[in-house]
Amino acid sequence: MRLALALEARGRRGVVINADSAQVYADLTVLSARPSLAEMRGIDHRLFGAWDGAMACSAADWAEVARREIADVHASGGVPILVGGTGLYLRTLLDGIAPVPPIDPAVRAQVRALPVAEAHAALSREDPDRAALLHPSDTTRVARALEVVRSTGRPLAAWQAERHGGIGGAIDLHPVILLPPRQWLYDRCDRRFAAMLMGGAIEEVQALVNRGLDPDLPVMRAIGVPEVSAFLRGEASLVAVQERGSKATRHYVKRQVTWLRHQCPEEWPRIESEDFDPEALFVSLLRQ
């Protein structure tokens, strides 16, 4: 927002484009901390709440729409400002997508039925390089890597080497990675989740439950939804929900920080403070 307002003060138009995999869903206003109209302060915001929860928004889905939004903003003379911590979304947009063929449904079902420890052990045999990169408890990524090598006969890395459709080389990037102090972040996680519970998260999850959606959909697995669902079923107290939700949020933040530190280009500026000055960070952009 500060960058958009700084651009506006110079007579230029900044447009905020969401790159957060929870904030894309219309069903997750509270639990995704989607900005309110007041917080948007008159700045154009796009791809917030753009997907119905019944439709899974993959990285490829998001990147396709984001490319169009970015092109539209550029065509109108504006500056697109991508905001969000979903690394896979950003990587797919900038670097392109690997042309992995559709996975054999039987293979997928077999892999997804495996306990994560068994899946990781199998991956260590069938794609040891990928297994070495993944945490043994990373259910989603371990399963994805295993189903790819079993269904296609090629490791995921081989497909990723053939990426296409990325726009990173065609646009002028002004990246900044925000890495404020870890304890400051964790304290914010705890306060935020507590505020969510008191600010409509329970009603939001109840509305999702009432829709009878597939429990494997991303919107049903978003942080806070399983925890609050347990409360609604009478399986957990509100205190337990707050503890579990806060813990899940902190773990997610830890994974985000690790990804940002190690997966982004070294030349991208890292800001390790809870505050920053956009006038100093984006000098070249603001002077254009």
C-alpha atoms as a PDB file:
ATOM      1  CA  MET A   1       0.000   0.000   0.000  1.00  0.00           C
ATOM      2  CA  ARG A   2       2.784   2.410   0.820  1.00  0.00           C
ATOM      3  CA  LEU A   3       4.316   1.879  -2.608  1.00  0.00           C
ATOM      4  CA  ALA A   4       0.948   2.376  -4.320  1.00  0.00           C
ATOM      5  CA  LEU A   5       0.352   5.572  -2.356  1.00  0.00           C
ATOM      6  CA  ALA A   6       3.860   6.812  -3.133  1.00  0.00           C
ATOM      7  CA  LEU A   7       3.184   6.242  -6.837  1.00  0.00           C
ATOM      8  CA  GLU A   8      -0.177   8.003  -6.536  1.00  0.00           C
ATOM      9  CA  ALA A   9       1.522  11.013  -4.938  1.00  0.00           C
ATOM     10  CA  ARG A  10       3.628  11.262  -8.113  1.00  0.00           C
ATOM     11  CA  GLY A  11       0.630  11.112 -10.403  1.00  0.00           C
ATOM     12  CA  ARG A  12       1.053   7.436 -11.283  1.00  0.00           C
ATOM     13  CA  ARG A  13      -1.349   4.555 -10.777  1.00  0.00           C
ATOM     14  CA  GLY A  14      -0.369   1.519  -8.744  1.00  0.00           C
ATOM     15  CA  VAL A  15      -2.545  -1.599  -8.861  1.00  0.00           C
ATOM     16  CA  VAL A  16      -2.182  -4.239  -6.141  1.00  0.00           C
ATOM     17  CA  ILE A  17      -2.404  -7.812  -7.482  1.00  0.00           C
ATOM     18  CA  ASN A  18      -2.878 -10.626  -4.989  1.00  0.00           C
ATOM     19  CA  ALA A  19      -0.359 -13.491  -5.011  1.00  0.00           C
ATOM     20  CA  ASP A  20      -1.625 -15.267  -1.882  1.00  0.00           C
ATOM     21  CA  SER A  21      -3.209 -18.683  -2.348  1.00  0.00           C
ATOM     22  CA  ALA A  22      -5.765 -18.187   0.439  1.00  0.00           C
ATOM     23  CA  GLN A  23      -6.819 -14.644  -0.426  1.00  0.00           C
ATOM     24  CA  VAL A  24      -7.846 -15.739  -3.926  1.00  0.00           C
ATOM     25  CA  TYR A  25     -10.933 -17.469  -2.483  1.00  0.00           C
ATOM     26  CA  ALA A  26     -14.170 -15.551  -2.069  1.00  0.00           C
ATOM     27  CA  ASP A  27     -15.059 -17.833   0.865  1.00  0.00           C
ATOM     28  CA  LEU A  28     -12.023 -16.791   2.937  1.00  0.00           C
ATOM     29  CA  THR A  29     -12.346 -13.163   3.931  1.00  0.00           C
ATOM     30  CA  VAL A  30     -11.511 -13.370   7.625  1.00  0.00           C
ATOM     31  CA  LEU A  31      -9.151 -16.364   7.751  1.00  0.00           C
ATOM     32  CA  SER A  32      -7.082 -15.100   4.812  1.00  0.00           C
ATOM     33  CA  ALA A  33      -6.874 -11.572   6.294  1.00  0.00           C
ATOM     34  CA  ARG A  34      -8.084 -10.160   3.003  1.00  0.00           C
ATOM     35  CA  PRO A  35      -7.776  -6.356   3.042  1.00  0.00           C
ATOM     36  CA  SER A  36     -10.988  -4.464   3.680  1.00  0.00           C
ATOM     37  CA  LEU A  37     -12.217  -1.585   1.532  1.00  0.00           C
ATOM     38  CA  ALA A  38     -10.982   0.819   4.186  1.00  0.00           C
ATOM     39  CA  GLU A  39      -7.524  -0.781   4.122  1.00  0.00           C
ATOM     40  CA  MET A  40      -7.419  -0.568   0.315  1.00  0.00           C
ATOM     41  CA  ARG A  41      -7.651   3.240   0.624  1.00  0.00           C
ATOM     42  CA  GLY A  42      -9.035   3.697  -2.852  1.00  0.00           C
ATOM     43  CA  ILE A  43      -6.227   1.743  -4.529  1.00  0.00           C
ATOM     44  CA  ASP A  44      -7.294  -0.774  -7.191  1.00  0.00           C
ATOM     45  CA  HIS A  45      -6.907  -4.339  -5.828  1.00  0.00           C
ATOM     46  CA  ARG A  46      -7.243  -7.397  -8.078  1.00  0.00           C
ATOM     47  CA  LEU A  47      -7.494 -11.186  -7.692  1.00  0.00           C
ATOM     48  CA  PHE A  48      -8.687 -10.919  -4.097  1.00  0.00           C
ATOM     49  CA  GLY A  49     -11.655 -13.266  -3.647  1.00  0.00           C
ATOM     50  CA  ALA A  50     -11.636 -13.989  -7.378  1.00  0.00           C
ATOM     51  CA  TRP A  51     -12.208 -17.780  -7.101  1.00  0.00           C
ATOM     52  CA  ASP A  52     -15.171 -19.605  -5.640  1.00  0.00           C
ATOM     53  CA  GLY A  53     -14.053 -22.122  -3.034  1.00  0.00           C
ATOM     54  CA  ALA A  54     -15.604 -24.962  -5.015  1.00  0.00           C
ATOM     55  CA  MET A  55     -12.957 -24.421  -7.714  1.00  0.00           C
ATOM     56  CA  ALA A  56      -9.331 -25.167  -6.843  1.00  0.00           C
ATOM     57  CA  CYS A  57      -6.995 -22.376  -7.940  1.00  0.00           C
ATOM     58  CA  SER A  58      -3.704 -23.959  -8.991  1.00  0.00           C
ATOM     59  CA  ALA A  59      -0.490 -22.014  -9.502  1.00  0.00           C
ATOM     60  CA  ALA A  60      -1.011 -22.369 -13.260  1.00  0.00           C
ATOM     61  CA  ASP A  61      -4.601 -21.070 -12.992  1.00  0.00           C
ATOM     62  CA  TRP A  62      -3.505 -18.062 -10.983  1.00  0.00           C
ATOM     63  CA  ALA A  63      -0.505 -17.292 -13.188  1.00  0.00           C
ATOM     64  CA  GLU A  64      -2.637 -17.322 -16.337  1.00  0.00           C
ATOM     65  CA  VAL A  65      -5.060 -14.759 -14.904  1.00  0.00           C
ATOM     66  CA  ALA A  66      -2.269 -12.730 -13.283  1.00  0.00           C
ATOM     67  CA  ARG A  67      -0.482 -12.424 -16.635  1.00  0.00           C
ATOM     68  CA  ARG A  68      -3.622 -10.902 -18.138  1.00  0.00           C
ATOM     69  CA  GLU A  69      -4.087  -8.514 -15.225  1.00  0.00           C
ATOM     70  CA  ILE A  70      -0.456  -7.394 -15.396  1.00  0.00           C
ATOM     71  CA  ALA A  71      -0.715  -6.822 -19.151  1.00  0.00           C
ATOM     72  CA  ASP A  72      -3.916  -4.812 -18.632  1.00  0.00           C
ATOM     73  CA  VAL A  73      -2.299  -2.612 -15.975  1.00  0.00           C
ATOM     74  CA  HIS A  74       0.756  -2.029 -18.174  1.00  0.00           C
ATOM     75  CA  ALA A  75      -1.454  -1.178 -21.160  1.00  0.00           C
ATOM     76  CA  SER A  76      -3.178   1.522 -19.120  1.00  0.00           C
ATOM     77  CA  GLY A  77       0.131   3.022 -17.999  1.00  0.00           C
ATOM     78  CA  GLY A  78      -0.120   1.715 -14.448  1.00  0.00           C
ATOM     79  CA  VAL A  79       2.309  -0.174 -12.225  1.00  0.00           C
ATOM     80  CA  PRO A  80       1.274  -3.696 -11.114  1.00  0.00           C
ATOM     81  CA  ILE A  81       2.316  -4.424  -7.523  1.00  0.00           C
ATOM     82  CA  LEU A  82       2.324  -8.141  -6.732  1.00  0.00           C
ATOM     83  CA  VAL A  83       1.824  -8.867  -3.043  1.00  0.00           C
ATOM     84  CA  GLY A  84       1.755 -12.231  -1.329  1.00  0.00           C
ATOM     85  CA  GLY A  85       3.781 -15.059   0.063  1.00  0.00           C
ATOM     86  CA  THR A  86       2.788 -18.016  -2.103  1.00  0.00           C
ATOM     87  CA  GLY A  87       6.144 -18.835  -3.628  1.00  0.00           C
ATOM     88  CA  LEU A  88       4.804 -21.377  -6.110  1.00  0.00           C
ATOM     89  CA  TYR A  89       2.430 -18.774  -7.551  1.00  0.00           C
ATOM     90  CA  LEU A  90       5.218 -16.257  -8.043  1.00  0.00           C
ATOM     91  CA  ARG A  91       7.675 -18.801  -9.405  1.00  0.00           C
ATOM     92  CA  THR A  92       5.124 -20.078 -11.922  1.00  0.00           C
ATOM     93  CA  LEU A  93       4.359 -16.537 -13.070  1.00  0.00           C
ATOM     94  CA  LEU A  94       7.998 -15.482 -13.430  1.00  0.00           C
ATOM     95  CA  ASP A  95       9.701 -18.724 -14.468  1.00  0.00           C
ATOM     96  CA  GLY A  96       6.874 -20.506 -16.258  1.00  0.00           C
ATOM     97  CA  ILE A  97       5.286 -23.867 -15.729  1.00  0.00           C
ATOM     98  CA  ALA A  98       6.666 -27.334 -16.282  1.00  0.00           C
ATOM     99  CA  PRO A  99       4.710 -29.199 -19.013  1.00  0.00           C
ATOM    100  CA  VAL A 100       3.952 -32.219 -16.813  1.00  0.00           C
ATOM    101  CA  PRO A 101       1.344 -34.437 -18.524  1.00  0.00           C
ATOM    102  CA  PRO A 102      -1.866 -35.292 -16.656  1.00  0.00           C
ATOM    103  CA  ILE A 103      -1.195 -37.790 -13.881  1.00  0.00           C
ATOM    104  CA  ASP A 104      -2.694 -41.254 -14.238  1.00  0.00           C
ATOM    105  CA  PRO A 105      -5.653 -41.265 -11.785  1.00  0.00           C
ATOM    106  CA  ALA A 106      -4.768 -44.740 -10.560  1.00  0.00           C
ATOM    107  CA  VAL A 107      -1.203 -43.677  -9.826  1.00  0.00           C
ATOM    108  CA  ARG A 108      -2.418 -40.560  -8.034  1.00  0.00           C
ATOM    109  CA  ALA A 109      -4.848 -42.511  -5.887  1.00  0.00           C
ATOM    110  CA  GLN A 110      -2.166 -45.047  -4.990  1.00  0.00           C
ATOM    111  CA  VAL A 111       0.377 -42.369  -4.068  1.00  0.00           C
ATOM    112  CA  ARG A 112      -2.057 -40.216  -2.106  1.00  0.00           C
ATOM    113  CA  ALA A 113      -3.102 -43.264  -0.059  1.00  0.00           C
ATOM    114  CA  LEU A 114       0.444 -43.788   1.211  1.00  0.00           C
ATOM    115  CA  PRO A 115       1.478 -42.462   4.638  1.00  0.00           C
ATOM    116  CA  VAL A 116       3.929 -39.628   4.085  1.00  0.00           C
ATOM    117  CA  ALA A 117       6.836 -41.607   5.581  1.00  0.00           C
ATOM    118  CA  GLU A 118       6.295 -44.418   3.091  1.00  0.00           C
ATOM    119  CA  ALA A 119       5.877 -41.960   0.225  1.00  0.00           C
ATOM    120  CA  HIS A 120       9.138 -40.215   1.104  1.00  0.00           C
ATOM    121  CA  ALA A 121      10.952 -43.547   1.373  1.00  0.00           C
ATOM    122  CA  ALA A 122       9.638 -44.529  -2.068  1.00  0.00           C
ATOM    123  CA  LEU A 123      10.662 -41.161  -3.477  1.00  0.00           C
ATOM    124  CA  SER A 124      14.164 -41.659  -2.049  1.00  0.00           C
ATOM    125  CA  ARG A 125      14.421 -44.777  -4.197  1.00  0.00           C
ATOM    126  CA  GLU A 126      12.723 -43.491  -7.348  1.00  0.00           C
ATOM    127  CA  ASP A 127      13.827 -39.827  -7.370  1.00  0.00           C
ATOM    128  CA  PRO A 128      16.579 -39.463  -4.733  1.00  0.00           C
ATOM    129  CA  ASP A 129      17.560 -35.943  -5.824  1.00  0.00           C
ATOM    130  CA  ARG A 130      14.040 -34.624  -5.241  1.00  0.00           C
ATOM    131  CA  ALA A 131      13.656 -36.551  -1.998  1.00  0.00           C
ATOM    132  CA  ALA A 132      16.826 -34.933  -0.676  1.00  0.00           C
ATOM    133  CA  LEU A 133      15.290 -31.500  -1.255  1.00  0.00           C
ATOM    134  CA  LEU A 134      12.021 -32.210   0.539  1.00  0.00           C
ATOM    135  CA  HIS A 135      11.233 -32.489   4.217  1.00  0.00           C
ATOM    136  CA  PRO A 136      10.062 -36.049   4.983  1.00  0.00           C
ATOM    137  CA  SER A 137       6.793 -34.704   6.414  1.00  0.00           C
ATOM    138  CA  ASP A 138       5.948 -32.436   3.462  1.00  0.00           C
ATOM    139  CA  THR A 139       2.927 -34.468   2.386  1.00  0.00           C
ATOM    140  CA  THR A 140       1.888 -32.381  -0.612  1.00  0.00           C
ATOM    141  CA  ARG A 141       5.281 -31.982  -2.290  1.00  0.00           C
ATOM    142  CA  VAL A 142       6.419 -35.528  -1.595  1.00  0.00           C
ATOM    143  CA  ALA A 143       3.222 -36.932  -3.111  1.00  0.00           C
ATOM    144  CA  ARG A 144       3.490 -34.652  -6.136  1.00  0.00           C
ATOM    145  CA  ALA A 145       7.079 -35.651  -6.875  1.00  0.00           C
ATOM    146  CA  LEU A 146       6.311 -39.351  -6.449  1.00  0.00           C
ATOM    147  CA  GLU A 147       3.205 -39.333  -8.635  1.00  0.00           C
ATOM    148  CA  VAL A 148       5.069 -37.476 -11.386  1.00  0.00           C
ATOM    149  CA  VAL A 149       7.959 -39.910 -11.573  1.00  0.00           C
ATOM    150  CA  ARG A 150       5.639 -42.924 -11.404  1.00  0.00           C
ATOM    151  CA  SER A 151       3.125 -41.620 -13.940  1.00  0.00           C
ATOM    152  CA  THR A 152       5.530 -40.106 -16.478  1.00  0.00           C
ATOM    153  CA  GLY A 153       8.701 -42.102 -15.953  1.00  0.00           C
ATOM    154  CA  ARG A 154      10.657 -38.869 -15.549  1.00  0.00           C
ATOM    155  CA  PRO A 155      11.589 -36.991 -12.364  1.00  0.00           C
ATOM    156  CA  LEU A 156       9.943 -33.652 -11.661  1.00  0.00           C
ATOM    157  CA  ALA A 157      13.245 -31.826 -12.171  1.00  0.00           C
ATOM    158  CA  ALA A 158      13.400 -33.005 -15.776  1.00  0.00           C
ATOM    159  CA  TRP A 159       9.992 -31.507 -16.489  1.00  0.00           C
ATOM    160  CA  GLN A 160      10.843 -28.289 -14.624  1.00  0.00           C
ATOM    161  CA  ALA A 161      13.878 -27.815 -16.869  1.00  0.00           C
ATOM    162  CA  GLU A 162      11.420 -27.374 -19.745  1.00  0.00           C
ATOM    163  CA  ARG A 163       9.405 -24.571 -18.151  1.00  0.00           C
ATOM    164  CA  HIS A 164       7.565 -22.194 -20.483  1.00  0.00           C
ATOM    165  CA  GLY A 165       5.233 -19.218 -20.193  1.00  0.00           C
ATOM    166  CA  GLY A 166       7.180 -17.234 -17.587  1.00  0.00           C
ATOM    167  CA  ILE A 167       7.220 -13.446 -17.835  1.00  0.00           C
ATOM    168  CA  GLY A 168      10.239 -12.792 -15.603  1.00  0.00           C
ATOM    169  CA  GLY A 169      12.505 -12.035 -18.555  1.00  0.00           C
ATOM    170  CA  ALA A 170       9.986  -9.788 -20.300  1.00  0.00           C
ATOM    171  CA  ILE A 171       9.196  -7.289 -17.542  1.00  0.00           C
ATOM    172  CA  ASP A 172      11.147  -4.874 -15.396  1.00  0.00           C
ATOM    173  CA  LEU A 173      11.182  -6.286 -11.874  1.00  0.00           C
ATOM    174  CA  HIS A 174      11.634  -4.287  -8.654  1.00  0.00           C
ATOM    175  CA  PRO A 175      11.530  -7.101  -6.077  1.00  0.00           C
ATOM    176  CA  VAL A 176      11.747  -6.772  -2.311  1.00  0.00           C
ATOM    177  CA  ILE A 177      11.623  -9.627   0.213  1.00  0.00           C
ATOM    178  CA  LEU A 178      10.317  -8.658   3.645  1.00  0.00           C
ATOM    179  CA  LEU A 179      11.896 -10.724   6.422  1.00  0.00           C
ATOM    180  CA  PRO A 180      11.074  -9.032   9.733  1.00  0.00           C
ATOM    181  CA  PRO A 181      12.339 -10.531  13.016  1.00  0.00           C
ATOM    182  CA  ARG A 182      11.015 -14.042  13.587  1.00  0.00           C
ATOM    183  CA  GLN A 183       9.665 -13.438  17.107  1.00  0.00           C
ATOM    184  CA  TRP A 184       7.886 -10.280  15.958  1.00  0.00           C
ATOM    185  CA  LEU A 185       6.231 -12.341  13.235  1.00  0.00           C
ATOM    186  CA  TYR A 186       5.219 -15.116  15.625  1.00  0.00           C
ATOM    187  CA  ASP A 187       3.679 -12.634  18.061  1.00  0.00           C
ATOM    188  CA  ARG A 188       1.687 -11.170  15.176  1.00  0.00           C
ATOM    189  CA  CYS A 189       0.538 -14.667  14.174  1.00  0.00           C
ATOM    190  CA  ASP A 190      -0.821 -15.341  17.653  1.00  0.00           C
ATOM    191  CA  ARG A 191      -2.603 -11.993  17.922  1.00  0.00           C
ATOM    192  CA  ARG A 192      -3.997 -12.228  14.400  1.00  0.00           C
ATOM    193  CA  PHE A 193      -5.488 -15.691  14.787  1.00  0.00           C
ATOM    194  CA  ALA A 194      -7.091 -14.741  18.099  1.00  0.00           C
ATOM    195  CA  ALA A 195      -8.591 -11.662  16.444  1.00  0.00           C
ATOM    196  CA  MET A 196      -9.881 -13.793  13.564  1.00  0.00           C
ATOM    197  CA  LEU A 197     -11.733 -16.122  15.936  1.00  0.00           C
ATOM    198  CA  MET A 198     -13.437 -13.165  17.546  1.00  0.00           C
ATOM    199  CA  GLY A 199     -13.973 -11.395  14.222  1.00  0.00           C
ATOM    200  CA  GLY A 200     -16.029 -13.825  12.172  1.00  0.00           C
ATOM    201  CA  ALA A 201     -13.815 -16.839  11.448  1.00  0.00           C
ATOM    202  CA  ILE A 202     -16.224 -19.262  13.110  1.00  0.00           C
ATOM    203  CA  GLU A 203     -19.162 -18.009  11.051  1.00  0.00           C
ATOM    204  CA  GLU A 204     -17.005 -18.089   7.923  1.00  0.00           C
ATOM    205  CA  VAL A 205     -16.090 -21.744   8.430  1.00  0.00           C
ATOM    206  CA  GLN A 206     -19.681 -22.629   9.269  1.00  0.00           C
ATOM    207  CA  ALA A 207     -20.732 -21.188   5.906  1.00  0.00           C
ATOM    208  CA  LEU A 208     -18.072 -23.313   4.192  1.00  0.00           C
ATOM    209  CA  VAL A 209     -19.173 -26.449   6.038  1.00  0.00           C
ATOM    210  CA  ASN A 210     -22.768 -25.761   5.041  1.00  0.00           C
ATOM    211  CA  ARG A 211     -21.724 -25.862   1.371  1.00  0.00           C
ATOM    212  CA  GLY A 212     -20.689 -29.511   1.687  1.00  0.00           C
ATOM    213  CA  LEU A 213     -17.510 -28.993  -0.335  1.00  0.00           C
ATOM    214  CA  ASP A 214     -14.932 -31.705  -0.989  1.00  0.00           C
ATOM    215  CA  PRO A 215     -12.656 -31.716   2.100  1.00  0.00           C
ATOM    216  CA  ASP A 216      -9.614 -32.060  -0.175  1.00  0.00           C
ATOM    217  CA  LEU A 217     -10.225 -28.696  -1.850  1.00  0.00           C
ATOM    218  CA  PRO A 218      -7.600 -26.046  -0.982  1.00  0.00           C
ATOM    219  CA  VAL A 219     -10.202 -23.773   0.575  1.00  0.00           C
ATOM    220  CA  MET A 220     -11.124 -26.529   3.041  1.00  0.00           C
ATOM    221  CA  ARG A 221      -7.485 -27.103   3.972  1.00  0.00           C
ATOM    222  CA  ALA A 222      -6.610 -23.433   4.486  1.00  0.00           C
ATOM    223  CA  ILE A 223      -5.147 -22.602   7.894  1.00  0.00           C
ATOM    224  CA  GLY A 224      -7.967 -22.201  10.374  1.00  0.00           C
ATOM    225  CA  VAL A 225     -10.619 -24.112   8.472  1.00  0.00           C
ATOM    226  CA  PRO A 226      -9.793 -27.628   9.799  1.00  0.00           C
ATOM    227  CA  GLU A 227      -9.218 -26.226  13.287  1.00  0.00           C
ATOM    228  CA  VAL A 228     -12.510 -24.323  13.448  1.00  0.00           C
ATOM    229  CA  SER A 229     -14.338 -27.236  11.809  1.00  0.00           C
ATOM    230  CA  ALA A 230     -13.258 -29.425  14.721  1.00  0.00           C
ATOM    231  CA  PHE A 231     -14.758 -26.873  17.120  1.00  0.00           C
ATOM    232  CA  LEU A 232     -18.015 -26.821  15.164  1.00  0.00           C
ATOM    233  CA  ARG A 233     -18.198 -30.622  15.390  1.00  0.00           C
ATOM    234  CA  GLY A 234     -17.695 -30.430  19.137  1.00  0.00           C
ATOM    235  CA  GLU A 235     -14.295 -32.119  18.929  1.00  0.00           C
ATOM    236  CA  ALA A 236     -12.189 -29.211  20.239  1.00  0.00           C
ATOM    237  CA  SER A 237     -12.572 -26.271  22.581  1.00  0.00           C
ATOM    238  CA  LEU A 238     -12.156 -22.699  21.417  1.00  0.00           C
ATOM    239  CA  VAL A 239      -8.925 -22.502  23.429  1.00  0.00           C
ATOM    240  CA  ALA A 240      -7.578 -25.566  21.624  1.00  0.00           C
ATOM    241  CA  VAL A 241      -8.612 -24.107  18.261  1.00  0.00           C
ATOM    242  CA  GLN A 242      -6.712 -20.908  19.000  1.00  0.00           C
ATOM    243  CA  GLU A 243      -3.618 -22.843  20.043  1.00  0.00           C
ATOM    244  CA  ARG A 244      -3.696 -25.107  16.993  1.00  0.00           C
ATOM    245  CA  GLY A 245      -4.471 -22.296  14.558  1.00  0.00           C
ATOM    246  CA  SER A 246      -1.709 -20.094  15.926  1.00  0.00           C
ATOM    247  CA  LYS A 247       0.761 -22.979  15.765  1.00  0.00           C
ATOM    248  CA  ALA A 248      -0.216 -23.810  12.172  1.00  0.00           C
ATOM    249  CA  THR A 249       0.190 -20.158  11.209  1.00  0.00           C
ATOM    250  CA  ARG A 250       3.648 -19.955  12.782  1.00  0.00           C
ATOM    251  CA  HIS A 251       4.731 -23.139  11.005  1.00  0.00           C
ATOM    252  CA  TYR A 252       3.491 -21.727   7.705  1.00  0.00           C
ATOM    253  CA  VAL A 253       5.373 -18.484   8.291  1.00  0.00           C
ATOM    254  CA  LYS A 254       8.522 -20.474   9.040  1.00  0.00           C
ATOM    255  CA  ARG A 255       8.178 -22.336   5.732  1.00  0.00           C
ATOM    256  CA  GLN A 256       7.573 -19.076   3.890  1.00  0.00           C
ATOM    257  CA  VAL A 257      10.652 -17.453   5.391  1.00  0.00           C
ATOM    258  CA  THR A 258      12.790 -20.476   4.546  1.00  0.00           C
ATOM    259  CA  TRP A 259      11.511 -20.469   0.968  1.00  0.00           C
ATOM    260  CA  LEU A 260      12.066 -16.740   0.524  1.00  0.00           C
ATOM    261  CA  ARG A 261      15.576 -16.897   1.955  1.00  0.00           C
ATOM    262  CA  HIS A 262      16.737 -19.784  -0.229  1.00  0.00           C
ATOM    263  CA  GLN A 263      14.611 -19.867  -3.386  1.00  0.00           C
ATOM    264  CA  CYS A 264      14.684 -16.232  -4.466  1.00  0.00           C
ATOM    265  CA  PRO A 265      17.655 -14.802  -6.413  1.00  0.00           C
ATOM    266  CA  GLU A 266      20.446 -13.599  -4.139  1.00  0.00           C
ATOM    267  CA  GLU A 267      20.366 -10.135  -5.694  1.00  0.00           C
ATOM    268  CA  TRP A 268      16.787  -9.512  -4.564  1.00  0.00           C
ATOM    269  CA  PRO A 269      16.902  -7.081  -1.595  1.00  0.00           C
ATOM    270  CA  ARG A 270      16.047  -8.564   1.806  1.00  0.00           C
ATOM    271  CA  ILE A 271      14.508  -6.210   4.373  1.00  0.00           C
ATOM    272  CA  GLU A 272      14.925  -7.655   7.856  1.00  0.00           C
ATOM    273  CA  SER A 273      12.862  -5.090   9.714  1.00  0.00           C
ATOM    274  CA  GLU A 274       9.197  -4.752  10.613  1.00  0.00           C
ATOM    275  CA  ASP A 275       9.212  -1.314   8.988  1.00  0.00           C
ATOM    276  CA  PHE A 276      10.681   0.050   5.768  1.00  0.00           C
ATOM    277  CA  ASP A 277      10.743   3.170   3.644  1.00  0.00           C
ATOM    278  CA  PRO A 278       9.286   2.649   0.132  1.00  0.00           C
ATOM    279  CA  GLU A 279      10.877   5.911  -0.980  1.00  0.00           C
ATOM    280  CA  ALA A 280      14.305   4.373  -0.381  1.00  0.00           C
ATOM    281  CA  LEU A 281      13.505   0.837  -1.545  1.00  0.00           C
ATOM    282  CA  PHE A 282      11.971   1.751  -4.864  1.00  0.00           C
ATOM    283  CA  VAL A 283      14.013   4.773  -5.892  1.00  0.00           C
ATOM    284  CA  SER A 284      14.430   3.705  -9.526  1.00  0.00           C
ATOM    285  CA  LEU A 285      10.739   2.794  -9.886  1.00  0.00           C
ATOM    286  CA  LEU A 286       9.491   6.015  -8.330  1.00  0.00           C
ATOM    287  CA  ARG A 287      11.756   8.094 -10.551  1.00  0.00           C
ATOM    288  CA  GLN A 288      10.531   6.553 -13.799  1.00  0.00           C
END
